Amino acid sequence: MIAEAIVPLLSLIALEVILGIDNIIFISILADKLPESQRNKLRYWGIGLAMVMRLILLAFISWILRLDQTLFTLFDIDFSGKGLILIVGGLFLIYKSTKEIYHKTEIAAQEQPVAPKHAGFNKLLSEVIILDLVFSIDSIITAVGMVDQLWVMYTAVIVTVLIMLVASKPISSFIRQHPSFKILALCFLLMIGVSLLAEGLHFEIPKGYIYFSMAFAFLVDVIQMKTVKKPA
């Protein structure tokens, strides 16, 4: 039984890690607004809450599956609980990404104050929780469609979160050290936001297209970075 579940387990872990990259990037960009002493705290809290949310949601699978049921129809589009969550999450991600891109490009020359410790951390954590909820529901529904065994889903979630905890700091440091990659990461989040919005409205955009295009853009940026560093 365990041997038969190994392949689905590894496949689900791989998928969860790919989907978790969105979470890591978003948290890393928000953490960069905090003092150095609080950045790890936000990353750990954000990723930890993502795990807690997913484990709790797994305990309510029957309720999660009912989120796919149509609540109402508007302009010939069926809206479900999941769809509404994806629409709200997509719009939030589009708003935050657009705002950050504007901040990094149009007013980058202005000196920006560091978020206050007493208010900044809580505000940023609340934004992380919103996206955690959206990504968690999407992740759990995907997991339910891939495997039947509940223990496989729990194991995949825990292993994925551990991988995210290890990878979050290097990814965050890399993005912070290379401004061009920060803009690329924000564009990536913007595309994910559009994808979530489209999915909520039943316009499916294959995620493979999005990840491939961003991987290609990342490769081009890496080549450009290496080329610029070479002496003339």
Protein backbone atom coordinates (compact mmCIF):
# COMPACT_ATOMS: atom_id res chain seq x y z
CA MET A 1 0.00 0.00 0.00
CA ILE A 2 2.77 2.40 0.96
CA ALA A 3 4.81 1.44 -2.10
CA GLU A 4 1.85 2.17 -4.39
CA ALA A 5 1.48 5.62 -2.83
CA ILE A 6 5.12 6.64 -3.32
CA VAL A 7 4.69 7.87 -6.93
CA PRO A 8 1.49 9.89 -6.17
CA LEU A 9 3.19 11.27 -3.05
CA LEU A 10 6.30 12.42 -4.91
CA SER A 11 4.16 13.84 -7.73
CA LEU A 12 2.01 15.75 -5.26
CA ILE A 13 5.06 17.09 -3.39
CA ALA A 14 6.58 18.30 -6.68
CA LEU A 15 3.33 20.03 -7.63
CA GLU A 16 2.93 21.57 -4.19
CA VAL A 17 6.50 22.91 -4.29
CA ILE A 18 5.87 24.51 -7.70
CA LEU A 19 2.66 26.10 -6.43
CA GLY A 20 4.44 27.11 -3.22
CA ILE A 21 6.97 29.21 -5.13
CA ASP A 22 4.24 31.84 -5.56
CA ASN A 23 3.86 32.00 -1.80
CA ILE A 24 7.61 32.26 -1.17
CA ILE A 25 8.05 35.08 -3.69
CA PHE A 26 5.13 37.07 -2.28
CA ILE A 27 6.32 36.65 1.32
CA SER A 28 9.92 37.49 0.36
CA ILE A 29 8.91 40.75 -1.30
CA LEU A 30 6.79 41.78 1.68
CA ALA A 31 9.50 40.76 4.15
CA ASP A 32 11.93 43.09 2.39
CA LYS A 33 9.89 46.02 3.76
CA LEU A 34 10.72 45.07 7.34
CA PRO A 35 13.91 45.57 9.34
CA GLU A 36 16.43 42.76 8.94
CA SER A 37 15.60 41.41 12.41
CA GLN A 38 11.95 40.81 11.46
CA ARG A 39 12.28 39.39 7.94
CA ASN A 40 12.86 35.79 8.99
CA LYS A 41 10.00 36.08 11.46
CA LEU A 42 7.56 37.09 8.71
CA ARG A 43 8.81 34.32 6.41
CA TYR A 44 8.48 31.65 9.09
CA TRP A 45 5.10 32.89 10.26
CA GLY A 46 3.78 33.16 6.70
CA ILE A 47 4.93 29.71 5.63
CA GLY A 48 3.96 28.18 8.98
CA LEU A 49 0.44 29.59 8.73
CA ALA A 50 0.20 28.23 5.19
CA MET A 51 0.90 24.74 6.55
CA VAL A 52 -1.61 25.15 9.41
CA MET A 53 -4.29 26.35 7.00
CA ARG A 54 -3.73 23.43 4.63
CA LEU A 55 -3.76 20.85 7.41
CA ILE A 56 -6.98 22.33 8.82
CA LEU A 57 -8.58 22.45 5.38
CA LEU A 58 -7.67 18.80 4.81
CA ALA A 59 -9.74 17.97 7.89
CA PHE A 60 -12.74 19.59 6.17
CA ILE A 61 -12.37 18.00 2.74
CA SER A 62 -16.11 17.47 2.35
CA TRP A 63 -16.64 21.21 2.92
CA ILE A 64 -13.80 22.06 0.53
CA LEU A 65 -15.32 19.92 -2.21
CA ARG A 66 -18.65 21.72 -1.80
CA LEU A 67 -16.89 24.98 -2.67
CA ASP A 68 -17.03 23.83 -6.30
CA GLN A 69 -20.84 23.85 -6.26
CA THR A 70 -22.55 26.77 -7.99
CA LEU A 71 -23.85 29.45 -5.64
CA PHE A 72 -25.36 31.78 -8.25
CA THR A 73 -25.18 32.62 -11.95
CA LEU A 74 -24.42 36.06 -13.34
CA PHE A 75 -24.04 36.92 -17.05
CA ASP A 76 -24.13 33.17 -17.85
CA ILE A 77 -21.15 32.58 -15.55
CA ASP A 78 -21.56 30.16 -12.65
CA PHE A 79 -19.99 31.43 -9.43
CA SER A 80 -18.93 28.95 -6.74
CA GLY A 81 -17.33 29.46 -3.34
CA LYS A 82 -13.96 28.48 -4.76
CA GLY A 83 -14.46 30.81 -7.73
CA LEU A 84 -15.23 33.79 -5.52
CA ILE A 85 -12.16 33.10 -3.38
CA LEU A 86 -9.96 32.85 -6.47
CA ILE A 87 -11.42 36.07 -7.91
CA VAL A 88 -10.81 38.01 -4.69
CA GLY A 89 -7.33 36.52 -4.33
CA GLY A 90 -6.49 37.21 -7.97
CA LEU A 91 -7.61 40.83 -7.74
CA PHE A 92 -5.65 41.27 -4.50
CA LEU A 93 -2.52 39.80 -6.08
CA ILE A 94 -2.90 41.97 -9.20
CA TYR A 95 -3.34 45.06 -7.02
CA LYS A 96 -0.35 44.30 -4.79
CA SER A 97 1.91 43.36 -7.71
CA THR A 98 0.98 46.44 -9.72
CA LYS A 99 1.46 48.68 -6.69
CA GLU A 100 4.89 47.17 -5.95
CA ILE A 101 6.01 47.44 -9.59
CA TYR A 102 5.00 51.11 -9.60
CA HIS A 103 6.80 51.61 -6.29
CA LYS A 104 10.00 49.97 -7.57
CA THR A 105 10.06 51.78 -10.94
CA GLU A 106 8.31 55.16 -10.72
CA ILE A 107 9.26 56.29 -7.21
CA ALA A 108 12.33 54.14 -6.57
CA ALA A 109 14.51 57.25 -6.31
CA GLN A 110 12.57 58.55 -3.32
CA GLU A 111 13.69 57.43 0.11
CA GLN A 112 11.07 55.06 1.55
CA PRO A 113 10.66 54.73 5.32
CA VAL A 114 10.96 51.30 6.88
CA ALA A 115 7.63 49.87 8.02
CA PRO A 116 7.13 50.57 11.72
CA LYS A 117 7.76 47.55 13.91
CA HIS A 118 4.55 47.93 15.89
CA ALA A 119 2.27 48.24 12.86
CA GLY A 120 4.18 47.12 9.77
CA PHE A 121 4.66 43.48 10.76
CA ASN A 122 0.98 42.89 11.60
CA LYS A 123 -0.19 44.58 8.42
CA LEU A 124 2.17 42.57 6.23
CA LEU A 125 1.30 39.35 8.03
CA SER A 126 -2.42 39.98 7.38
CA GLU A 127 -1.66 40.32 3.66
CA VAL A 128 0.30 37.07 3.76
CA ILE A 129 -2.64 35.32 5.46
CA ILE A 130 -5.01 36.44 2.68
CA LEU A 131 -2.80 34.91 0.00
CA ASP A 132 -2.11 31.86 2.16
CA LEU A 133 -5.84 31.17 2.26
CA VAL A 134 -6.26 31.52 -1.51
CA PHE A 135 -3.26 29.37 -2.36
CA SER A 136 -4.17 26.81 0.31
CA ILE A 137 -7.68 26.22 -1.00
CA ASP A 138 -6.40 25.97 -4.58
CA SER A 139 -3.67 23.59 -3.42
CA ILE A 140 -6.03 21.32 -1.43
CA ILE A 141 -8.52 21.03 -4.28
CA THR A 142 -5.65 20.13 -6.60
CA ALA A 143 -4.42 17.53 -4.10
CA VAL A 144 -7.88 15.96 -3.76
CA GLY A 145 -8.02 15.61 -7.54
CA MET A 146 -4.67 13.79 -7.61
CA VAL A 147 -4.79 11.32 -4.73
CA ASP A 148 -7.36 9.53 -2.56
CA GLN A 149 -5.38 8.74 0.57
CA LEU A 150 -5.63 11.41 3.23
CA TRP A 151 -2.26 10.52 4.79
CA VAL A 152 -0.57 11.15 1.42
CA MET A 153 -2.03 14.67 1.34
CA TYR A 154 -0.95 15.41 4.92
CA THR A 155 2.56 14.09 4.23
CA ALA A 156 2.86 16.11 1.02
CA VAL A 157 1.80 19.31 2.79
CA ILE A 158 4.27 18.86 5.67
CA VAL A 159 7.20 17.93 3.37
CA THR A 160 6.39 20.83 1.04
CA VAL A 161 6.32 23.34 3.91
CA LEU A 162 9.68 22.08 5.20
CA ILE A 163 11.15 22.54 1.70
CA MET A 164 9.65 26.04 1.54
CA LEU A 165 11.14 26.94 4.93
CA VAL A 166 14.59 25.90 3.76
CA ALA A 167 14.28 27.61 0.36
CA SER A 168 12.61 30.85 1.51
CA LYS A 169 15.72 32.60 2.86
CA PRO A 170 18.00 31.92 -0.17
CA ILE A 171 15.22 32.93 -2.57
CA SER A 172 14.50 36.08 -0.55
CA SER A 173 18.21 37.02 -0.43
CA PHE A 174 18.60 36.44 -4.16
CA ILE A 175 15.58 38.60 -5.01
CA ARG A 176 16.75 41.38 -2.66
CA GLN A 177 20.26 41.43 -4.15
CA HIS A 178 19.08 41.60 -7.77
CA PRO A 179 16.52 44.37 -8.44
CA SER A 180 15.79 43.11 -11.96
CA PHE A 181 14.73 39.74 -10.56
CA LYS A 182 12.48 41.50 -8.07
CA ILE A 183 10.60 43.13 -10.95
CA LEU A 184 10.51 39.77 -12.72
CA ALA A 185 9.13 38.14 -9.57
CA LEU A 186 6.44 40.83 -9.32
CA CYS A 187 5.50 40.24 -12.96
CA PHE A 188 5.30 36.55 -12.13
CA LEU A 189 2.89 37.28 -9.26
CA LEU A 190 0.90 39.55 -11.56
CA MET A 191 0.50 36.70 -14.04
CA ILE A 192 -0.55 34.33 -11.24
CA GLY A 193 -3.14 36.91 -10.16
CA VAL A 194 -4.54 37.06 -13.70
CA SER A 195 -4.56 33.25 -13.78
CA LEU A 196 -6.49 33.05 -10.49
CA LEU A 197 -8.99 35.67 -11.71
CA ALA A 198 -9.48 33.82 -15.00
CA GLU A 199 -9.90 30.49 -13.22
CA GLY A 200 -12.52 32.01 -10.94
CA LEU A 201 -14.42 33.13 -14.05
CA HIS A 202 -14.00 29.67 -15.67
CA PHE A 203 -11.43 30.79 -18.23
CA GLU A 204 -8.75 28.17 -17.73
CA ILE A 205 -5.19 29.27 -18.48
CA PRO A 206 -2.84 26.24 -18.39
CA LYS A 207 -0.38 26.92 -15.58
CA GLY A 208 2.31 25.21 -17.64
CA TYR A 209 2.25 28.14 -20.08
CA ILE A 210 2.71 30.62 -17.24
CA TYR A 211 5.55 28.73 -15.58
CA PHE A 212 7.29 28.10 -18.89
CA SER A 213 7.13 31.77 -19.91
CA MET A 214 8.45 32.88 -16.53
CA ALA A 215 11.19 30.24 -16.60
CA PHE A 216 12.23 31.52 -20.03
CA ALA A 217 12.20 35.15 -18.80
CA PHE A 218 14.24 34.08 -15.77
CA LEU A 219 16.79 32.36 -18.02
CA VAL A 220 17.09 35.48 -20.20
CA ASP A 221 17.61 37.61 -17.08
CA VAL A 222 20.31 35.23 -15.81
CA ILE A 223 22.12 35.34 -19.18
CA GLN A 224 21.89 39.12 -19.22
CA MET A 225 23.23 39.34 -15.66
CA LYS A 226 26.18 37.08 -16.50
CA THR A 227 26.90 39.05 -19.68
CA VAL A 228 26.88 42.42 -17.93
CA LYS A 229 29.28 41.15 -15.26
CA LYS A 230 31.85 40.10 -17.86
CA PRO A 231 34.67 42.65 -18.36
CA ALA A 232 34.59 44.53 -21.62
